[in-house]
Amino acid sequence: TYSSYAPLGNSEDLEVGDWAIALGTPYGLEKTVTLGIVSSLHRDINSLGFSDKRLDLIQTDAAINEGNSGGPLVNLNGELVGINSTIMRGAEGIGFAISSDLVQRYIDDLLNYGEVQIPKEGIEARTIDSNLLSTLCEYGYNVCELDENLKGIVVLEIEPDSPSDKSGVMPGDIILSINEKPVRSNGEYISWLYNYRPGENITLNILRENQEIEISMKLEKY
């Protein structure tokens, strides 16, 4: 019986410009292989009109069409580094794949718990922009002196008795990074957050009253 399978690669080892090979059955054409490169990593596609929490995506220009979804994206060693997921209609050479690291995490969750474990920290936040800062300033949030070009997310509300409440996060705090990974949008923050499991500890780098502080918290389960 033929039982060979592609080994799972580490998507964190990918770099922009690496070769990428997409396999699938687009439009019913069996065993189709297309070649391209990794165009971008950790791509947030909410700005393109997608409403998808799987935001930490690999972008590739290897041709991906209807029927490629669910198929493998592999490197030149034949290692699976992503699962082809989404295309941008009307564009050429813009396709997206779920990273193999996230796939492995979800597989482990399903095998061990029978479900994907979603972490909870109890923060409602928004991406920083000048209009938001002006509005929050008027409502009494401590953001009036912030540079409108600052990259991060502003905390609007904290769920009572949640991990963020217990760890001391406050409304008006600016989250700059999570476990040293920069946060430039709320979508990117959620994407990073979903890489962790309930019970794990994370560290948030926060700007509060023009001072950077670190806050550690233990995630809970939704």
C-alpha atoms as a PDB file:
ATOM      1  CA  THR A   1       0.000   0.000   0.000  1.00  0.00           C
ATOM      2  CA  TYR A   2       1.363   3.427  -0.952  1.00  0.00           C
ATOM      3  CA  SER A   3       1.362   5.507   2.222  1.00  0.00           C
ATOM      4  CA  SER A   4       4.014   8.152   1.704  1.00  0.00           C
ATOM      5  CA  TYR A   5       3.169  11.650   2.841  1.00  0.00           C
ATOM      6  CA  ALA A   6       4.843  15.042   2.717  1.00  0.00           C
ATOM      7  CA  PRO A   7       6.734  15.983   5.876  1.00  0.00           C
ATOM      8  CA  LEU A   8       5.536  19.061   7.726  1.00  0.00           C
ATOM      9  CA  GLY A   9       7.952  21.969   7.432  1.00  0.00           C
ATOM     10  CA  ASN A  10       8.450  24.913   9.759  1.00  0.00           C
ATOM     11  CA  SER A  11       6.754  27.959   8.231  1.00  0.00           C
ATOM     12  CA  GLU A  12       8.677  30.222  10.608  1.00  0.00           C
ATOM     13  CA  ASP A  13      11.795  29.355   8.600  1.00  0.00           C
ATOM     14  CA  LEU A  14      10.278  30.824   5.426  1.00  0.00           C
ATOM     15  CA  GLU A  15      11.653  34.040   3.982  1.00  0.00           C
ATOM     16  CA  VAL A  16      10.281  36.333   1.317  1.00  0.00           C
ATOM     17  CA  GLY A  17      11.715  35.203  -2.015  1.00  0.00           C
ATOM     18  CA  ASP A  18      11.829  31.493  -1.123  1.00  0.00           C
ATOM     19  CA  TRP A  19      10.468  29.164  -3.791  1.00  0.00           C
ATOM     20  CA  ALA A  20       6.900  27.945  -3.267  1.00  0.00           C
ATOM     21  CA  ILE A  21       5.088  25.122  -5.068  1.00  0.00           C
ATOM     22  CA  ALA A  22       1.272  24.828  -5.013  1.00  0.00           C
ATOM     23  CA  LEU A  23      -0.472  21.540  -5.742  1.00  0.00           C
ATOM     24  CA  GLY A  24      -4.150  20.832  -6.274  1.00  0.00           C
ATOM     25  CA  THR A  25      -6.955  20.147  -8.720  1.00  0.00           C
ATOM     26  CA  PRO A  26      -8.050  23.580 -10.006  1.00  0.00           C
ATOM     27  CA  TYR A  27     -11.175  23.441 -12.174  1.00  0.00           C
ATOM     28  CA  GLY A  28     -11.085  19.653 -12.020  1.00  0.00           C
ATOM     29  CA  LEU A  29      -7.603  19.345 -13.545  1.00  0.00           C
ATOM     30  CA  GLU A  30      -5.919  16.613 -11.543  1.00  0.00           C
ATOM     31  CA  LYS A  31      -2.377  16.768 -10.209  1.00  0.00           C
ATOM     32  CA  THR A  32      -1.733  20.384 -11.146  1.00  0.00           C
ATOM     33  CA  VAL A  33       1.554  21.920  -9.974  1.00  0.00           C
ATOM     34  CA  THR A  34       2.413  25.633 -10.089  1.00  0.00           C
ATOM     35  CA  LEU A  35       5.640  27.332  -9.096  1.00  0.00           C
ATOM     36  CA  GLY A  36       6.267  30.744  -7.570  1.00  0.00           C
ATOM     37  CA  ILE A  37       7.856  32.471  -4.613  1.00  0.00           C
ATOM     38  CA  VAL A  38       6.822  33.543  -1.148  1.00  0.00           C
ATOM     39  CA  SER A  39       5.676  37.132  -1.697  1.00  0.00           C
ATOM     40  CA  SER A  40       4.956  38.079   1.920  1.00  0.00           C
ATOM     41  CA  LEU A  41       4.632  36.583   5.391  1.00  0.00           C
ATOM     42  CA  HIS A  42       2.206  37.160   8.268  1.00  0.00           C
ATOM     43  CA  ARG A  43      -0.221  38.826   5.864  1.00  0.00           C
ATOM     44  CA  ASP A  44      -3.355  40.477   7.324  1.00  0.00           C
ATOM     45  CA  ILE A  45      -6.050  40.350   4.610  1.00  0.00           C
ATOM     46  CA  ASN A  46      -8.864  42.149   6.435  1.00  0.00           C
ATOM     47  CA  SER A  47      -7.947  45.326   4.562  1.00  0.00           C
ATOM     48  CA  LEU A  48      -8.809  43.487   1.328  1.00  0.00           C
ATOM     49  CA  GLY A  49     -12.389  42.942   2.423  1.00  0.00           C
ATOM     50  CA  PHE A  50     -11.968  39.455   3.878  1.00  0.00           C
ATOM     51  CA  SER A  51     -13.615  38.768   7.231  1.00  0.00           C
ATOM     52  CA  ASP A  52     -11.376  35.931   8.369  1.00  0.00           C
ATOM     53  CA  LYS A  53      -9.601  35.488  11.677  1.00  0.00           C
ATOM     54  CA  ARG A  54      -6.871  33.405   9.974  1.00  0.00           C
ATOM     55  CA  LEU A  55      -4.882  36.532   9.337  1.00  0.00           C
ATOM     56  CA  ASP A  56      -1.326  35.258   9.717  1.00  0.00           C
ATOM     57  CA  LEU A  57      -1.163  34.078   6.103  1.00  0.00           C
ATOM     58  CA  ILE A  58       1.589  33.280   3.615  1.00  0.00           C
ATOM     59  CA  GLN A  59       1.227  35.214   0.365  1.00  0.00           C
ATOM     60  CA  THR A  60       2.537  33.604  -2.800  1.00  0.00           C
ATOM     61  CA  ASP A  61       2.507  34.295  -6.528  1.00  0.00           C
ATOM     62  CA  ALA A  62       2.371  30.562  -7.345  1.00  0.00           C
ATOM     63  CA  ALA A  63      -0.856  30.279  -9.347  1.00  0.00           C
ATOM     64  CA  ILE A  64      -3.740  29.321  -7.051  1.00  0.00           C
ATOM     65  CA  ASN A  65      -7.227  28.888  -8.463  1.00  0.00           C
ATOM     66  CA  GLU A  66     -10.558  27.385  -7.441  1.00  0.00           C
ATOM     67  CA  GLY A  67      -9.803  23.776  -6.578  1.00  0.00           C
ATOM     68  CA  ASN A  68      -6.406  24.501  -5.057  1.00  0.00           C
ATOM     69  CA  SER A  69      -7.941  25.291  -1.649  1.00  0.00           C
ATOM     70  CA  GLY A  70      -7.016  22.614   0.864  1.00  0.00           C
ATOM     71  CA  GLY A  71      -4.027  21.561  -1.210  1.00  0.00           C
ATOM     72  CA  PRO A  72      -0.427  21.819  -0.061  1.00  0.00           C
ATOM     73  CA  LEU A  73       2.047  24.638  -0.503  1.00  0.00           C
ATOM     74  CA  VAL A  74       5.500  23.085  -0.331  1.00  0.00           C
ATOM     75  CA  ASN A  75       9.107  24.233  -0.413  1.00  0.00           C
ATOM     76  CA  LEU A  76      11.873  22.851  -2.651  1.00  0.00           C
ATOM     77  CA  ASN A  77      12.551  20.107  -0.089  1.00  0.00           C
ATOM     78  CA  GLY A  78       9.006  18.802  -0.518  1.00  0.00           C
ATOM     79  CA  GLU A  79       8.043  19.931   2.981  1.00  0.00           C
ATOM     80  CA  LEU A  80       4.525  21.222   3.535  1.00  0.00           C
ATOM     81  CA  VAL A  81       4.799  24.862   4.637  1.00  0.00           C
ATOM     82  CA  GLY A  82       1.182  25.918   4.110  1.00  0.00           C
ATOM     83  CA  ILE A  83      -2.353  24.931   3.130  1.00  0.00           C
ATOM     84  CA  ASN A  84      -3.678  26.855   0.117  1.00  0.00           C
ATOM     85  CA  SER A  85      -6.676  28.806   1.303  1.00  0.00           C
ATOM     86  CA  THR A  86      -7.706  32.021  -0.403  1.00  0.00           C
ATOM     87  CA  ILE A  87      -7.336  33.908  -3.669  1.00  0.00           C
ATOM     88  CA  MET A  88      -7.917  37.557  -4.459  1.00  0.00           C
ATOM     89  CA  ARG A  89     -10.380  37.654  -7.314  1.00  0.00           C
ATOM     90  CA  GLY A  90      -9.477  39.924 -10.227  1.00  0.00           C
ATOM     91  CA  ALA A  91      -5.789  39.849  -9.357  1.00  0.00           C
ATOM     92  CA  GLU A  92      -2.917  37.823 -10.736  1.00  0.00           C
ATOM     93  CA  GLY A  93      -0.261  36.223  -8.611  1.00  0.00           C
ATOM     94  CA  ILE A  94      -1.915  36.976  -5.250  1.00  0.00           C
ATOM     95  CA  GLY A  95      -2.834  33.851  -3.315  1.00  0.00           C
ATOM     96  CA  PHE A  96      -2.739  32.981   0.362  1.00  0.00           C
ATOM     97  CA  ALA A  97      -1.998  29.893   2.442  1.00  0.00           C
ATOM     98  CA  ILE A  98      -2.452  29.023   6.110  1.00  0.00           C
ATOM     99  CA  SER A  99       0.969  28.534   7.708  1.00  0.00           C
ATOM    100  CA  SER A 100       2.077  24.992   8.548  1.00  0.00           C
ATOM    101  CA  ASP A 101       2.854  26.032  12.120  1.00  0.00           C
ATOM    102  CA  LEU A 102      -0.784  27.033  12.641  1.00  0.00           C
ATOM    103  CA  VAL A 103      -1.955  23.858  10.898  1.00  0.00           C
ATOM    104  CA  GLN A 104       0.178  21.774  13.269  1.00  0.00           C
ATOM    105  CA  ARG A 105      -1.249  23.601  16.265  1.00  0.00           C
ATOM    106  CA  TYR A 106      -4.813  22.940  15.130  1.00  0.00           C
ATOM    107  CA  ILE A 107      -4.047  19.269  14.414  1.00  0.00           C
ATOM    108  CA  ASP A 108      -2.595  18.837  17.901  1.00  0.00           C
ATOM    109  CA  ASP A 109      -5.661  20.509  19.437  1.00  0.00           C
ATOM    110  CA  LEU A 110      -8.069  18.276  17.514  1.00  0.00           C
ATOM    111  CA  LEU A 111      -6.173  15.123  18.454  1.00  0.00           C
ATOM    112  CA  ASN A 112      -5.773  16.045  22.121  1.00  0.00           C
ATOM    113  CA  TYR A 113      -9.016  17.907  22.860  1.00  0.00           C
ATOM    114  CA  GLY A 114     -11.403  17.161  19.994  1.00  0.00           C
ATOM    115  CA  GLU A 115     -11.638  20.885  19.190  1.00  0.00           C
ATOM    116  CA  VAL A 116      -9.447  23.866  18.381  1.00  0.00           C
ATOM    117  CA  GLN A 117      -8.488  25.636  21.595  1.00  0.00           C
ATOM    118  CA  ILE A 118      -9.162  29.378  21.263  1.00  0.00           C
ATOM    119  CA  PRO A 119      -7.330  31.610  23.767  1.00  0.00           C
ATOM    120  CA  LYS A 120      -9.084  34.353  25.707  1.00  0.00           C
ATOM    121  CA  GLU A 121      -7.529  37.504  27.178  1.00  0.00           C
ATOM    122  CA  GLY A 122     -10.578  39.745  27.561  1.00  0.00           C
ATOM    123  CA  ILE A 123      -9.438  42.804  25.575  1.00  0.00           C
ATOM    124  CA  GLU A 124     -11.493  44.877  23.167  1.00  0.00           C
ATOM    125  CA  ALA A 125      -9.205  47.086  21.097  1.00  0.00           C
ATOM    126  CA  ARG A 126      -9.022  49.113  17.892  1.00  0.00           C
ATOM    127  CA  THR A 127      -6.263  49.976  15.450  1.00  0.00           C
ATOM    128  CA  ILE A 128      -4.822  53.442  16.123  1.00  0.00           C
ATOM    129  CA  ASP A 129      -5.707  56.258  13.730  1.00  0.00           C
ATOM    130  CA  SER A 130      -5.966  60.026  14.175  1.00  0.00           C
ATOM    131  CA  ASN A 131      -9.782  60.129  14.218  1.00  0.00           C
ATOM    132  CA  LEU A 132      -9.985  57.405  16.825  1.00  0.00           C
ATOM    133  CA  LEU A 133      -7.435  59.110  19.075  1.00  0.00           C
ATOM    134  CA  SER A 134      -9.310  62.417  18.828  1.00  0.00           C
ATOM    135  CA  THR A 135     -12.601  60.747  19.734  1.00  0.00           C
ATOM    136  CA  LEU A 136     -11.120  58.795  22.641  1.00  0.00           C
ATOM    137  CA  CYS A 137      -9.420  61.933  23.935  1.00  0.00           C
ATOM    138  CA  GLU A 138     -12.804  63.678  24.060  1.00  0.00           C
ATOM    139  CA  TYR A 139     -14.236  60.733  25.999  1.00  0.00           C
ATOM    140  CA  GLY A 140     -11.516  60.939  28.625  1.00  0.00           C
ATOM    141  CA  TYR A 141      -9.096  58.237  27.531  1.00  0.00           C
ATOM    142  CA  ASN A 142      -5.454  59.026  28.271  1.00  0.00           C
ATOM    143  CA  VAL A 143      -4.431  59.217  24.596  1.00  0.00           C
ATOM    144  CA  CYS A 144      -4.492  62.964  23.898  1.00  0.00           C
ATOM    145  CA  GLU A 145      -0.705  63.354  23.645  1.00  0.00           C
ATOM    146  CA  LEU A 146      -0.069  60.336  21.452  1.00  0.00           C
ATOM    147  CA  ASP A 147       1.498  60.653  18.019  1.00  0.00           C
ATOM    148  CA  GLU A 148      -1.156  59.802  15.424  1.00  0.00           C
ATOM    149  CA  ASN A 149       1.523  57.936  13.450  1.00  0.00           C
ATOM    150  CA  LEU A 150       2.148  55.549  16.342  1.00  0.00           C
ATOM    151  CA  LYS A 151       1.715  51.903  15.326  1.00  0.00           C
ATOM    152  CA  GLY A 152      -0.293  49.791  17.737  1.00  0.00           C
ATOM    153  CA  ILE A 153      -3.776  49.195  19.076  1.00  0.00           C
ATOM    154  CA  VAL A 154      -5.605  51.077  21.789  1.00  0.00           C
ATOM    155  CA  VAL A 155      -7.452  49.144  24.498  1.00  0.00           C
ATOM    156  CA  LEU A 156     -11.086  50.275  24.748  1.00  0.00           C
ATOM    157  CA  GLU A 157     -12.592  47.851  27.247  1.00  0.00           C
ATOM    158  CA  ILE A 158     -11.473  45.121  29.627  1.00  0.00           C
ATOM    159  CA  GLU A 159     -13.710  42.170  30.477  1.00  0.00           C
ATOM    160  CA  PRO A 160     -14.087  41.919  34.267  1.00  0.00           C
ATOM    161  CA  ASP A 161     -12.183  39.041  35.883  1.00  0.00           C
ATOM    162  CA  SER A 162     -10.524  38.180  32.556  1.00  0.00           C
ATOM    163  CA  PRO A 163      -6.778  37.511  32.165  1.00  0.00           C
ATOM    164  CA  SER A 164      -6.210  41.120  31.072  1.00  0.00           C
ATOM    165  CA  ASP A 165      -8.140  42.437  34.079  1.00  0.00           C
ATOM    166  CA  LYS A 166      -6.164  40.223  36.452  1.00  0.00           C
ATOM    167  CA  SER A 167      -2.837  41.237  34.892  1.00  0.00           C
ATOM    168  CA  GLY A 168      -3.498  44.992  35.121  1.00  0.00           C
ATOM    169  CA  VAL A 169      -4.209  46.029  31.514  1.00  0.00           C
ATOM    170  CA  MET A 170      -6.215  49.276  31.471  1.00  0.00           C
ATOM    171  CA  PRO A 171      -8.468  51.106  28.968  1.00  0.00           C
ATOM    172  CA  GLY A 172      -6.323  53.623  27.103  1.00  0.00           C
ATOM    173  CA  ASP A 173      -3.254  51.368  27.097  1.00  0.00           C
ATOM    174  CA  ILE A 174      -1.510  51.062  23.748  1.00  0.00           C
ATOM    175  CA  ILE A 175      -0.422  47.526  22.878  1.00  0.00           C
ATOM    176  CA  LEU A 176       2.799  47.692  20.842  1.00  0.00           C
ATOM    177  CA  SER A 177       3.763  44.020  20.682  1.00  0.00           C
ATOM    178  CA  ILE A 178       2.848  40.544  21.851  1.00  0.00           C
ATOM    179  CA  ASN A 179       5.761  38.296  22.800  1.00  0.00           C
ATOM    180  CA  GLU A 180       8.054  40.782  21.000  1.00  0.00           C
ATOM    181  CA  LYS A 181       6.060  40.503  17.747  1.00  0.00           C
ATOM    182  CA  PRO A 182       5.056  44.023  16.606  1.00  0.00           C
ATOM    183  CA  VAL A 183       1.337  44.807  16.541  1.00  0.00           C
ATOM    184  CA  ARG A 184       0.330  47.264  13.806  1.00  0.00           C
ATOM    185  CA  SER A 185      -3.390  46.541  13.638  1.00  0.00           C
ATOM    186  CA  ASN A 186      -6.083  44.866  15.700  1.00  0.00           C
ATOM    187  CA  GLY A 187      -6.332  42.146  13.064  1.00  0.00           C
ATOM    188  CA  GLU A 188      -2.617  41.467  13.358  1.00  0.00           C
ATOM    189  CA  TYR A 189      -2.919  41.338  17.160  1.00  0.00           C
ATOM    190  CA  ILE A 190      -5.726  38.746  16.947  1.00  0.00           C
ATOM    191  CA  SER A 191      -3.680  36.779  14.443  1.00  0.00           C
ATOM    192  CA  TRP A 192      -0.679  36.616  16.786  1.00  0.00           C
ATOM    193  CA  LEU A 193      -2.922  35.838  19.765  1.00  0.00           C
ATOM    194  CA  TYR A 194      -4.504  32.850  18.019  1.00  0.00           C
ATOM    195  CA  ASN A 195      -1.073  31.232  17.748  1.00  0.00           C
ATOM    196  CA  TYR A 196      -1.155  30.593  21.500  1.00  0.00           C
ATOM    197  CA  ARG A 197      -3.146  28.140  23.557  1.00  0.00           C
ATOM    198  CA  PRO A 198      -5.236  28.569  26.716  1.00  0.00           C
ATOM    199  CA  GLY A 199      -2.966  28.171  29.719  1.00  0.00           C
ATOM    200  CA  GLU A 200       0.073  29.684  28.002  1.00  0.00           C
ATOM    201  CA  ASN A 201       1.672  32.904  29.197  1.00  0.00           C
ATOM    202  CA  ILE A 202       2.133  35.903  26.917  1.00  0.00           C
ATOM    203  CA  THR A 203       3.889  39.221  27.407  1.00  0.00           C
ATOM    204  CA  LEU A 204       2.393  42.465  26.121  1.00  0.00           C
ATOM    205  CA  ASN A 205       4.576  45.498  25.545  1.00  0.00           C
ATOM    206  CA  ILE A 206       2.352  48.454  26.426  1.00  0.00           C
ATOM    207  CA  LEU A 207       2.636  52.228  26.207  1.00  0.00           C
ATOM    208  CA  ARG A 208       0.975  53.916  29.196  1.00  0.00           C
ATOM    209  CA  GLU A 209       1.369  57.619  29.995  1.00  0.00           C
ATOM    210  CA  ASN A 210       4.324  57.825  27.573  1.00  0.00           C
ATOM    211  CA  GLN A 211       6.155  55.002  29.329  1.00  0.00           C
ATOM    212  CA  GLU A 212       6.663  51.497  27.973  1.00  0.00           C
ATOM    213  CA  ILE A 213       5.863  48.689  30.374  1.00  0.00           C
ATOM    214  CA  GLU A 214       5.619  44.904  30.101  1.00  0.00           C
ATOM    215  CA  ILE A 215       2.585  43.003  31.302  1.00  0.00           C
ATOM    216  CA  SER A 216       2.469  39.223  31.554  1.00  0.00           C
ATOM    217  CA  MET A 217      -0.775  37.300  31.525  1.00  0.00           C
ATOM    218  CA  LYS A 218      -1.952  33.705  31.456  1.00  0.00           C
ATOM    219  CA  LEU A 219      -4.468  33.014  28.705  1.00  0.00           C
ATOM    220  CA  GLU A 220      -7.759  31.298  29.411  1.00  0.00           C
ATOM    221  CA  LYS A 221     -10.100  29.267  27.182  1.00  0.00           C
ATOM    222  CA  TYR A 222     -13.185  30.627  25.446  1.00  0.00           C
END
